[in-house]
Amino acid sequence: MGKKRPAWQTRLTDFVKGPDEAAHERRLTPEAVRDRKFATTRLTQGYAVQEVDAFLDQVTNELARLIRERDEARAAARRPPCEDPSP
């Protein structure tokens, strides 16, 4: 994991980029969850790797489903309403 940036630096970067671009950069995606790596430790008790992997798989699948549903709803909202030919 990388070194954490000071809060002032993050606020400055967000200010320069603008609110839309800054929010997009922090957005959680299925790919970000799937590709997330956790450090392992040998000196202290840690998490069970298989449990963390299973949870990340579950989160990835749920995020993908929600994004797919959102995109389908947006596409449906853009389509013109169907006219019923029956009087």
Protein backbone atom coordinates (compact mmCIF):
# COMPACT_ATOMS: atom_id res chain seq x y z
CA MET A 1 0.00 0.00 0.00
CA GLY A 2 1.29 3.47 -0.85
CA LYS A 3 2.08 6.32 1.48
CA LYS A 4 -1.01 8.28 2.52
CA ARG A 5 -1.18 11.84 1.25
CA PRO A 6 -1.76 14.70 3.69
CA ALA A 7 -5.35 15.99 3.77
CA TRP A 8 -4.34 19.42 2.48
CA GLN A 9 -2.76 17.85 -0.58
CA THR A 10 -5.89 15.86 -1.36
CA ARG A 11 -8.10 18.95 -0.99
CA LEU A 12 -5.78 20.96 -3.24
CA THR A 13 -5.77 18.24 -5.90
CA ASP A 14 -9.58 17.98 -5.73
CA PHE A 15 -9.88 21.76 -6.04
CA VAL A 16 -7.67 21.85 -9.13
CA LYS A 17 -9.42 18.90 -10.78
CA GLY A 18 -12.95 20.04 -9.97
CA PRO A 19 -15.66 18.11 -8.13
CA ASP A 20 -16.70 15.76 -10.95
CA GLU A 21 -13.22 14.50 -11.80
CA ALA A 22 -12.21 14.18 -8.13
CA ALA A 23 -15.33 12.16 -7.28
CA HIS A 24 -14.77 9.89 -10.28
CA GLU A 25 -11.21 9.17 -9.12
CA ARG A 26 -12.48 7.92 -5.73
CA ARG A 27 -15.34 5.86 -7.19
CA LEU A 28 -15.29 2.20 -6.19
CA THR A 29 -15.48 -0.17 -9.14
CA PRO A 30 -15.64 -3.95 -9.37
CA GLU A 31 -12.19 -3.90 -10.94
CA ALA A 32 -10.76 -1.87 -8.04
CA VAL A 33 -12.16 -4.37 -5.54
CA ARG A 34 -10.97 -7.38 -7.52
CA ASP A 35 -7.47 -5.95 -7.95
CA ARG A 36 -7.09 -4.80 -4.31
CA LYS A 37 -4.13 -6.43 -2.59
CA PHE A 38 -3.66 -6.72 1.16
CA ALA A 39 -0.34 -6.93 2.94
CA THR A 40 0.38 -10.09 4.87
CA THR A 41 2.06 -10.19 8.23
CA ARG A 42 3.89 -12.87 10.13
CA LEU A 43 4.41 -11.08 13.43
CA THR A 44 0.80 -10.56 14.44
CA GLN A 45 -2.51 -12.27 13.93
CA GLY A 46 -4.08 -11.34 10.59
CA TYR A 47 -7.10 -12.14 8.46
CA ALA A 48 -7.80 -15.47 6.84
CA VAL A 49 -6.77 -14.92 3.23
CA GLN A 50 -9.48 -17.22 1.85
CA GLU A 51 -12.21 -15.36 3.76
CA VAL A 52 -10.98 -11.98 2.50
CA ASP A 53 -10.80 -13.31 -1.07
CA ALA A 54 -14.33 -14.74 -0.82
CA PHE A 55 -15.67 -11.44 0.50
CA LEU A 56 -13.92 -9.43 -2.22
CA ASP A 57 -15.46 -11.77 -4.82
CA GLN A 58 -18.90 -11.15 -3.30
CA VAL A 59 -18.40 -7.37 -3.26
CA THR A 60 -17.10 -7.41 -6.84
CA ASN A 61 -20.14 -9.33 -8.07
CA GLU A 62 -22.58 -7.09 -6.20
CA LEU A 63 -20.96 -3.90 -7.52
CA ALA A 64 -21.03 -5.27 -11.07
CA ARG A 65 -24.73 -6.17 -10.69
CA LEU A 66 -25.63 -2.73 -9.32
CA ILE A 67 -23.71 -0.94 -12.07
CA ARG A 68 -25.38 -3.13 -14.71
CA GLU A 69 -28.85 -2.42 -13.26
CA ARG A 70 -28.10 1.32 -13.13
CA ASP A 71 -26.94 1.35 -16.74
CA GLU A 72 -30.02 -0.61 -17.87
CA ALA A 73 -32.32 1.80 -16.01
CA ARG A 74 -30.59 4.81 -17.57
CA ALA A 75 -30.89 3.28 -21.04
CA ALA A 76 -34.58 2.52 -20.47
CA ALA A 77 -35.18 6.10 -19.29
CA ARG A 78 -33.65 7.46 -22.52
CA ARG A 79 -35.86 5.37 -24.79
CA PRO A 80 -39.03 7.03 -26.02
CA PRO A 81 -42.22 5.60 -24.51
CA CYS A 82 -43.91 2.87 -26.54
CA GLU A 83 -47.28 3.81 -27.92
CA ASP A 84 -49.93 1.15 -27.47
CA PRO A 85 -51.65 0.62 -30.87
CA SER A 86 -54.88 -0.58 -29.21
CA PRO A 87 -57.47 2.19 -28.55
